Amino acid sequence: MTPRLLALVLAASVVTLPAPAAVAADKPRHELTVQAKEIGGDDTNRFKMFGSVSTYLGQELRVQRKVNKAPFRAWSTDTTSADKGKFSFRIYGGKRGSTVCYRVVVPSTKDHRTTKGERWCIRTDAARTTSYQRGFVAELLG
């Protein structure tokens, strides 16, 4: 084989694969719903986070926590129910004058890409009263 023909054969045999990010962008997100509430009424300072992932039944999801301005870090795991994909776990406030935020991360599967739930924050003021909120740190949001 001549060098020119060999180069042509090698060039024809190279297969181009799509980039991993392009493949992940084509997948839909998991169907994730997340809520948080105070257990036992107002002013009990006990909080719970719960929800469901109908596309991720009976598997383990990750819980991330963020204290004040630090980045989100792995905090815990929880397993979804096998029938409806429900999950529930307790979340905790921080020290006085701090804000602690939590979010759920559902790993990617062959059919869905990694999905992050909205963040829920617990703000503790100097008097040790707490409130939970969705989204950005502010006054209590519904």
N, C-alpha and C. Protein backbone atom coordinates (compact mmCIF):
# COMPACT_ATOMS: atom_id res chain seq x y z
N MET A 1 0.83 -1.18 0.00
CA MET A 1 0.00 0.00 0.00
C MET A 1 0.88 1.24 0.00
N THR A 2 0.47 2.20 -0.77
CA THR A 2 1.23 3.44 -0.80
C THR A 2 0.89 4.28 0.42
N PRO A 3 1.78 5.17 0.82
CA PRO A 3 1.52 5.99 2.01
C PRO A 3 0.26 6.84 1.87
N ARG A 4 -0.01 7.33 0.67
CA ARG A 4 -1.20 8.16 0.47
C ARG A 4 -2.46 7.33 0.64
N LEU A 5 -2.48 6.11 0.11
CA LEU A 5 -3.64 5.23 0.24
C LEU A 5 -3.82 4.79 1.69
N LEU A 6 -2.72 4.52 2.38
CA LEU A 6 -2.77 4.14 3.79
C LEU A 6 -3.37 5.27 4.64
N ALA A 7 -2.96 6.50 4.38
CA ALA A 7 -3.49 7.65 5.11
C ALA A 7 -4.98 7.81 4.84
N LEU A 8 -5.41 7.56 3.62
CA LEU A 8 -6.83 7.67 3.27
C LEU A 8 -7.64 6.60 3.99
N VAL A 9 -7.13 5.37 4.06
CA VAL A 9 -7.82 4.29 4.75
C VAL A 9 -7.92 4.59 6.24
N LEU A 10 -6.85 5.08 6.84
CA LEU A 10 -6.86 5.42 8.26
C LEU A 10 -7.82 6.57 8.55
N ALA A 11 -7.86 7.55 7.68
CA ALA A 11 -8.76 8.69 7.88
C ALA A 11 -10.22 8.24 7.76
N ALA A 12 -10.49 7.31 6.88
CA ALA A 12 -11.86 6.82 6.71
C ALA A 12 -12.30 5.95 7.88
N SER A 13 -11.35 5.33 8.57
CA SER A 13 -11.70 4.43 9.67
C SER A 13 -11.91 5.15 11.00
N VAL A 14 -11.56 6.42 11.07
CA VAL A 14 -11.75 7.17 12.32
C VAL A 14 -13.24 7.48 12.48
N VAL A 15 -13.76 7.12 13.64
CA VAL A 15 -15.17 7.36 13.92
C VAL A 15 -15.27 8.53 14.88
N THR A 16 -16.10 9.48 14.56
CA THR A 16 -16.27 10.61 15.47
C THR A 16 -17.46 10.33 16.38
N LEU A 17 -17.24 10.52 17.67
CA LEU A 17 -18.29 10.33 18.66
C LEU A 17 -18.74 11.68 19.19
N PRO A 18 -20.01 11.83 19.49
CA PRO A 18 -20.44 13.11 20.04
C PRO A 18 -19.83 13.32 21.42
N ALA A 19 -19.64 14.55 21.79
CA ALA A 19 -19.07 14.87 23.10
C ALA A 19 -20.04 14.44 24.19
N PRO A 20 -19.54 14.02 25.35
CA PRO A 20 -20.42 13.58 26.44
C PRO A 20 -21.43 14.65 26.86
N ALA A 21 -21.04 15.92 26.84
CA ALA A 21 -21.96 16.99 27.22
C ALA A 21 -23.11 17.10 26.23
N ALA A 22 -22.82 16.87 24.95
CA ALA A 22 -23.88 16.94 23.95
C ALA A 22 -24.86 15.79 24.13
N VAL A 23 -24.36 14.62 24.50
CA VAL A 23 -25.24 13.47 24.74
C VAL A 23 -26.12 13.73 25.96
N ALA A 24 -25.53 14.28 27.02
CA ALA A 24 -26.29 14.56 28.25
C ALA A 24 -27.34 15.63 28.02
N ALA A 25 -27.07 16.58 27.16
CA ALA A 25 -28.04 17.65 26.90
C ALA A 25 -29.28 17.11 26.19
N ASP A 26 -29.14 16.02 25.46
CA ASP A 26 -30.28 15.45 24.76
C ASP A 26 -31.23 14.70 25.70
N LYS A 27 -30.71 14.24 26.84
CA LYS A 27 -31.54 13.50 27.78
C LYS A 27 -32.43 14.45 28.57
N PRO A 28 -33.64 14.04 28.91
CA PRO A 28 -34.48 14.90 29.76
C PRO A 28 -34.05 14.79 31.22
N ARG A 29 -34.48 15.74 32.02
CA ARG A 29 -34.19 15.71 33.45
C ARG A 29 -35.15 14.74 34.13
N HIS A 30 -34.77 14.28 35.34
CA HIS A 30 -35.66 13.44 36.14
C HIS A 30 -36.88 14.27 36.56
N GLU A 31 -37.99 13.60 36.81
CA GLU A 31 -39.20 14.27 37.30
C GLU A 31 -39.10 14.35 38.82
N LEU A 32 -38.54 15.45 39.31
CA LEU A 32 -38.22 15.62 40.73
C LEU A 32 -39.07 16.71 41.34
N THR A 33 -39.71 16.40 42.47
CA THR A 33 -40.41 17.41 43.27
C THR A 33 -39.84 17.36 44.68
N VAL A 34 -39.57 18.53 45.26
CA VAL A 34 -38.98 18.62 46.59
C VAL A 34 -39.71 19.68 47.39
N GLN A 35 -39.97 19.39 48.67
CA GLN A 35 -40.57 20.36 49.58
C GLN A 35 -39.90 20.23 50.93
N ALA A 36 -40.05 21.24 51.76
CA ALA A 36 -39.55 21.19 53.14
C ALA A 36 -40.59 21.85 54.03
N LYS A 37 -40.66 21.38 55.28
CA LYS A 37 -41.58 22.00 56.22
C LYS A 37 -41.10 21.76 57.64
N GLU A 38 -41.66 22.55 58.55
CA GLU A 38 -41.33 22.41 59.95
C GLU A 38 -42.24 21.35 60.55
N ILE A 39 -41.67 20.40 61.26
CA ILE A 39 -42.43 19.29 61.84
C ILE A 39 -43.05 19.73 63.15
N GLY A 40 -44.31 19.40 63.34
CA GLY A 40 -44.96 19.68 64.62
C GLY A 40 -45.41 21.11 64.79
N GLY A 41 -45.64 21.82 63.71
CA GLY A 41 -46.12 23.20 63.81
C GLY A 41 -45.00 24.21 63.84
N ASP A 42 -45.35 25.46 64.06
CA ASP A 42 -44.37 26.54 64.08
C ASP A 42 -43.55 26.51 65.36
N ASP A 43 -42.35 27.04 65.27
CA ASP A 43 -41.45 27.23 66.41
C ASP A 43 -41.00 25.94 67.09
N THR A 44 -41.02 24.82 66.41
CA THR A 44 -40.49 23.58 67.00
C THR A 44 -39.00 23.41 66.67
N ASN A 45 -38.53 24.14 65.64
CA ASN A 45 -37.14 24.07 65.19
C ASN A 45 -36.74 22.67 64.75
N ARG A 46 -37.70 21.91 64.23
CA ARG A 46 -37.43 20.59 63.64
C ARG A 46 -37.95 20.63 62.20
N PHE A 47 -37.12 20.26 61.25
CA PHE A 47 -37.46 20.39 59.84
C PHE A 47 -37.31 19.07 59.11
N LYS A 48 -38.08 18.95 58.03
CA LYS A 48 -38.11 17.73 57.23
C LYS A 48 -38.13 18.12 55.76
N MET A 49 -37.40 17.38 54.95
CA MET A 49 -37.40 17.58 53.50
C MET A 49 -37.95 16.31 52.87
N PHE A 50 -38.86 16.46 51.91
CA PHE A 50 -39.49 15.30 51.32
C PHE A 50 -39.85 15.59 49.87
N GLY A 51 -40.16 14.53 49.13
CA GLY A 51 -40.53 14.70 47.73
C GLY A 51 -40.59 13.36 47.03
N SER A 52 -40.55 13.41 45.70
CA SER A 52 -40.59 12.17 44.92
C SER A 52 -39.83 12.35 43.61
N VAL A 53 -39.35 11.21 43.10
CA VAL A 53 -38.69 11.14 41.80
C VAL A 53 -39.32 9.96 41.08
N SER A 54 -40.30 10.22 40.24
CA SER A 54 -41.03 9.13 39.59
C SER A 54 -40.19 8.40 38.56
N THR A 55 -39.07 8.98 38.16
CA THR A 55 -38.21 8.35 37.15
C THR A 55 -37.01 7.64 37.77
N TYR A 56 -36.99 7.49 39.11
CA TYR A 56 -35.82 6.94 39.80
C TYR A 56 -36.31 6.14 41.00
N LEU A 57 -36.95 5.01 40.75
CA LEU A 57 -37.60 4.23 41.79
C LEU A 57 -36.63 3.29 42.50
N GLY A 58 -36.70 3.25 43.84
CA GLY A 58 -35.94 2.30 44.64
C GLY A 58 -34.43 2.45 44.56
N GLN A 59 -33.94 3.64 44.29
CA GLN A 59 -32.50 3.84 44.16
C GLN A 59 -32.04 4.95 45.09
N GLU A 60 -30.74 5.07 45.23
CA GLU A 60 -30.17 6.01 46.18
C GLU A 60 -29.90 7.36 45.51
N LEU A 61 -30.35 8.44 46.17
CA LEU A 61 -30.06 9.78 45.69
C LEU A 61 -29.17 10.49 46.70
N ARG A 62 -28.55 11.58 46.29
CA ARG A 62 -27.61 12.30 47.15
C ARG A 62 -28.26 13.55 47.71
N VAL A 63 -27.86 13.90 48.92
CA VAL A 63 -28.32 15.13 49.56
C VAL A 63 -27.08 15.99 49.78
N GLN A 64 -27.17 17.25 49.36
CA GLN A 64 -26.06 18.17 49.53
C GLN A 64 -26.44 19.26 50.52
N ARG A 65 -25.45 19.78 51.24
CA ARG A 65 -25.68 20.81 52.24
C ARG A 65 -24.69 21.95 52.03
N LYS A 66 -25.15 23.16 52.30
CA LYS A 66 -24.32 24.35 52.13
C LYS A 66 -24.49 25.19 53.39
N VAL A 67 -23.39 25.55 54.03
CA VAL A 67 -23.44 26.37 55.23
C VAL A 67 -22.92 27.76 54.88
N ASN A 68 -23.75 28.76 55.14
CA ASN A 68 -23.46 30.17 54.84
C ASN A 68 -23.05 30.34 53.38
N LYS A 69 -21.87 30.85 53.10
CA LYS A 69 -21.48 31.12 51.72
C LYS A 69 -20.60 30.04 51.11
N ALA A 70 -20.41 28.94 51.81
CA ALA A 70 -19.60 27.84 51.29
C ALA A 70 -20.33 27.16 50.13
N PRO A 71 -19.63 26.39 49.30
CA PRO A 71 -20.30 25.67 48.21
C PRO A 71 -21.08 24.47 48.75
N PHE A 72 -21.97 23.94 47.93
CA PHE A 72 -22.70 22.72 48.30
C PHE A 72 -21.71 21.56 48.39
N ARG A 73 -21.88 20.73 49.42
CA ARG A 73 -21.03 19.55 49.61
C ARG A 73 -21.92 18.34 49.89
N ALA A 74 -21.41 17.17 49.58
CA ALA A 74 -22.16 15.93 49.87
C ALA A 74 -22.40 15.85 51.37
N TRP A 75 -23.63 15.55 51.76
CA TRP A 75 -23.97 15.50 53.18
C TRP A 75 -24.55 14.15 53.57
N SER A 76 -25.43 13.59 52.74
CA SER A 76 -26.10 12.35 53.09
C SER A 76 -26.63 11.69 51.82
N THR A 77 -27.17 10.51 51.99
CA THR A 77 -27.88 9.83 50.91
C THR A 77 -29.22 9.36 51.44
N ASP A 78 -30.15 9.12 50.55
CA ASP A 78 -31.45 8.58 50.92
C ASP A 78 -31.92 7.71 49.76
N THR A 79 -32.75 6.73 50.06
CA THR A 79 -33.25 5.82 49.04
C THR A 79 -34.71 6.13 48.74
N THR A 80 -35.05 6.16 47.47
CA THR A 80 -36.43 6.40 47.08
C THR A 80 -37.23 5.10 47.24
N SER A 81 -38.53 5.24 47.44
CA SER A 81 -39.37 4.05 47.57
C SER A 81 -39.48 3.34 46.22
N ALA A 82 -39.68 2.04 46.27
CA ALA A 82 -39.70 1.24 45.05
C ALA A 82 -40.98 1.42 44.25
N ASP A 83 -42.07 1.82 44.90
CA ASP A 83 -43.34 1.93 44.18
C ASP A 83 -43.59 3.31 43.57
N LYS A 84 -43.34 4.39 44.33
CA LYS A 84 -43.64 5.73 43.81
C LYS A 84 -42.43 6.65 43.76
N GLY A 85 -41.29 6.21 44.26
CA GLY A 85 -40.09 7.04 44.23
C GLY A 85 -40.07 8.13 45.29
N LYS A 86 -40.80 7.96 46.37
CA LYS A 86 -40.85 8.98 47.42
C LYS A 86 -39.63 8.89 48.33
N PHE A 87 -39.26 10.02 48.91
CA PHE A 87 -38.17 10.07 49.87
C PHE A 87 -38.51 11.09 50.94
N SER A 88 -37.88 10.94 52.10
CA SER A 88 -38.10 11.84 53.22
C SER A 88 -36.93 11.74 54.18
N PHE A 89 -36.44 12.87 54.66
CA PHE A 89 -35.35 12.85 55.63
C PHE A 89 -35.38 14.14 56.43
N ARG A 90 -34.76 14.09 57.58
CA ARG A 90 -34.72 15.23 58.49
C ARG A 90 -33.58 16.15 58.10
N ILE A 91 -33.80 17.46 58.19
CA ILE A 91 -32.75 18.45 57.97
C ILE A 91 -32.62 19.30 59.22
N TYR A 92 -31.47 19.92 59.39
CA TYR A 92 -31.16 20.61 60.64
C TYR A 92 -30.71 22.04 60.39
N GLY A 93 -31.05 22.92 61.32
CA GLY A 93 -30.56 24.29 61.28
C GLY A 93 -29.13 24.34 61.79
N GLY A 94 -28.49 25.48 61.59
CA GLY A 94 -27.11 25.62 62.01
C GLY A 94 -26.99 26.36 63.32
N LYS A 95 -25.79 26.84 63.60
CA LYS A 95 -25.53 27.63 64.80
C LYS A 95 -26.19 28.99 64.67
N ARG A 96 -26.23 29.71 65.75
CA ARG A 96 -26.84 31.04 65.74
C ARG A 96 -26.18 31.94 64.71
N GLY A 97 -27.00 32.65 63.97
CA GLY A 97 -26.50 33.58 62.97
C GLY A 97 -26.07 32.92 61.67
N SER A 98 -26.46 31.69 61.42
CA SER A 98 -26.03 31.01 60.20
C SER A 98 -27.23 30.64 59.33
N THR A 99 -26.91 30.31 58.10
CA THR A 99 -27.91 29.84 57.14
C THR A 99 -27.41 28.52 56.57
N VAL A 100 -28.24 27.49 56.63
CA VAL A 100 -27.89 26.17 56.11
C VAL A 100 -28.89 25.84 55.00
N CYS A 101 -28.38 25.50 53.81
CA CYS A 101 -29.23 25.17 52.68
C CYS A 101 -29.02 23.70 52.30
N TYR A 102 -30.09 23.07 51.83
CA TYR A 102 -30.06 21.67 51.41
C TYR A 102 -30.65 21.56 50.02
N ARG A 103 -30.18 20.58 49.25
CA ARG A 103 -30.78 20.24 47.96
C ARG A 103 -30.55 18.76 47.69
N VAL A 104 -31.42 18.21 46.84
CA VAL A 104 -31.35 16.80 46.45
C VAL A 104 -30.76 16.73 45.05
N VAL A 105 -29.86 15.77 44.83
CA VAL A 105 -29.26 15.56 43.51
C VAL A 105 -29.55 14.12 43.09
N VAL A 106 -30.23 13.96 41.96
CA VAL A 106 -30.55 12.64 41.42
C VAL A 106 -29.53 12.33 40.33
N PRO A 107 -28.77 11.24 40.46
CA PRO A 107 -27.73 10.92 39.47
C PRO A 107 -28.32 10.61 38.09
N SER A 108 -27.48 10.70 37.08
CA SER A 108 -27.93 10.40 35.73
C SER A 108 -28.14 8.90 35.56
N THR A 109 -29.02 8.56 34.65
CA THR A 109 -29.26 7.17 34.25
C THR A 109 -29.10 7.10 32.75
N LYS A 110 -29.38 5.94 32.17
CA LYS A 110 -29.25 5.85 30.71
C LYS A 110 -30.33 6.66 29.99
N ASP A 111 -31.44 6.96 30.69
CA ASP A 111 -32.53 7.70 30.05
C ASP A 111 -32.65 9.16 30.50
N HIS A 112 -32.06 9.52 31.65
CA HIS A 112 -32.21 10.86 32.20
C HIS A 112 -30.85 11.41 32.65
N ARG A 113 -30.72 12.73 32.61
CA ARG A 113 -29.48 13.34 33.05
C ARG A 113 -29.55 13.73 34.53
N THR A 114 -28.41 14.08 35.11
CA THR A 114 -28.35 14.48 36.51
C THR A 114 -29.27 15.66 36.75
N THR A 115 -30.04 15.58 37.82
CA THR A 115 -31.03 16.62 38.12
C THR A 115 -30.83 17.11 39.54
N LYS A 116 -30.77 18.43 39.72
CA LYS A 116 -30.63 19.03 41.04
C LYS A 116 -31.95 19.69 41.40
N GLY A 117 -32.44 19.40 42.61
CA GLY A 117 -33.66 20.03 43.09
C GLY A 117 -33.38 21.44 43.57
N GLU A 118 -34.46 22.20 43.77
CA GLU A 118 -34.26 23.55 44.27
C GLU A 118 -33.77 23.51 45.71
N ARG A 119 -33.09 24.55 46.11
CA ARG A 119 -32.53 24.55 47.45
C ARG A 119 -33.53 25.06 48.47
N TRP A 120 -33.46 24.51 49.66
CA TRP A 120 -34.28 24.94 50.79
C TRP A 120 -33.33 25.32 51.91
N CYS A 121 -33.56 26.48 52.50
CA CYS A 121 -32.62 27.02 53.48
C CYS A 121 -33.28 27.21 54.84
N ILE A 122 -32.49 27.01 55.88
CA ILE A 122 -32.91 27.28 57.25
C ILE A 122 -32.01 28.38 57.78
N ARG A 123 -32.61 29.50 58.15
CA ARG A 123 -31.85 30.63 58.68
C ARG A 123 -32.06 30.68 60.19
N THR A 124 -30.98 30.74 60.92
CA THR A 124 -31.02 30.84 62.37
C THR A 124 -30.50 32.21 62.76
N ASP A 125 -31.32 33.00 63.45
CA ASP A 125 -30.85 34.32 63.83
C ASP A 125 -30.18 34.27 65.20
N ALA A 126 -29.78 35.41 65.69
CA ALA A 126 -29.02 35.46 66.94
C ALA A 126 -29.84 34.99 68.14
N ALA A 127 -31.16 35.07 68.06
CA ALA A 127 -32.01 34.65 69.18
C ALA A 127 -32.37 33.17 69.10
N ARG A 128 -31.80 32.45 68.15
CA ARG A 128 -32.01 31.01 67.94
C ARG A 128 -33.43 30.69 67.46
N THR A 129 -34.06 31.61 66.76
CA THR A 129 -35.32 31.28 66.10
C THR A 129 -35.00 30.92 64.67
N THR A 130 -35.71 29.98 64.12
CA THR A 130 -35.39 29.51 62.78
C THR A 130 -36.59 29.65 61.87
N SER A 131 -36.30 29.71 60.60
CA SER A 131 -37.35 29.71 59.59
C SER A 131 -36.78 28.98 58.38
N TYR A 132 -37.64 28.36 57.61
CA TYR A 132 -37.17 27.68 56.41
C TYR A 132 -37.69 28.42 55.21
N GLN A 133 -36.98 28.35 54.12
CA GLN A 133 -37.40 29.06 52.92
C GLN A 133 -36.88 28.36 51.69
N ARG A 134 -37.53 28.66 50.59
CA ARG A 134 -37.15 28.11 49.30
C ARG A 134 -36.37 29.18 48.55
N GLY A 135 -35.39 28.79 47.83
CA GLY A 135 -34.66 29.71 46.96
C GLY A 135 -33.63 30.50 47.72
N PHE A 136 -33.53 31.79 47.43
CA PHE A 136 -32.48 32.62 48.00
C PHE A 136 -32.75 32.91 49.48
N VAL A 137 -31.71 33.20 50.18
CA VAL A 137 -31.81 33.52 51.60
C VAL A 137 -32.49 34.86 51.73
N ALA A 138 -33.61 34.87 52.40
CA ALA A 138 -34.39 36.10 52.60
C ALA A 138 -35.33 35.83 53.76
N GLU A 139 -36.33 36.62 53.87
CA GLU A 139 -37.35 36.35 54.89
C GLU A 139 -38.11 35.10 54.48
N LEU A 140 -38.94 34.61 55.35
CA LEU A 140 -39.65 33.34 55.11
C LEU A 140 -40.48 33.43 53.83
N LEU A 141 -40.22 32.50 52.91
CA LEU A 141 -40.99 32.41 51.67
C LEU A 141 -41.86 31.17 51.74
N GLY A 142 -43.04 31.22 51.15
CA GLY A 142 -43.98 30.09 51.20
C GLY A 142 -43.58 28.99 50.42
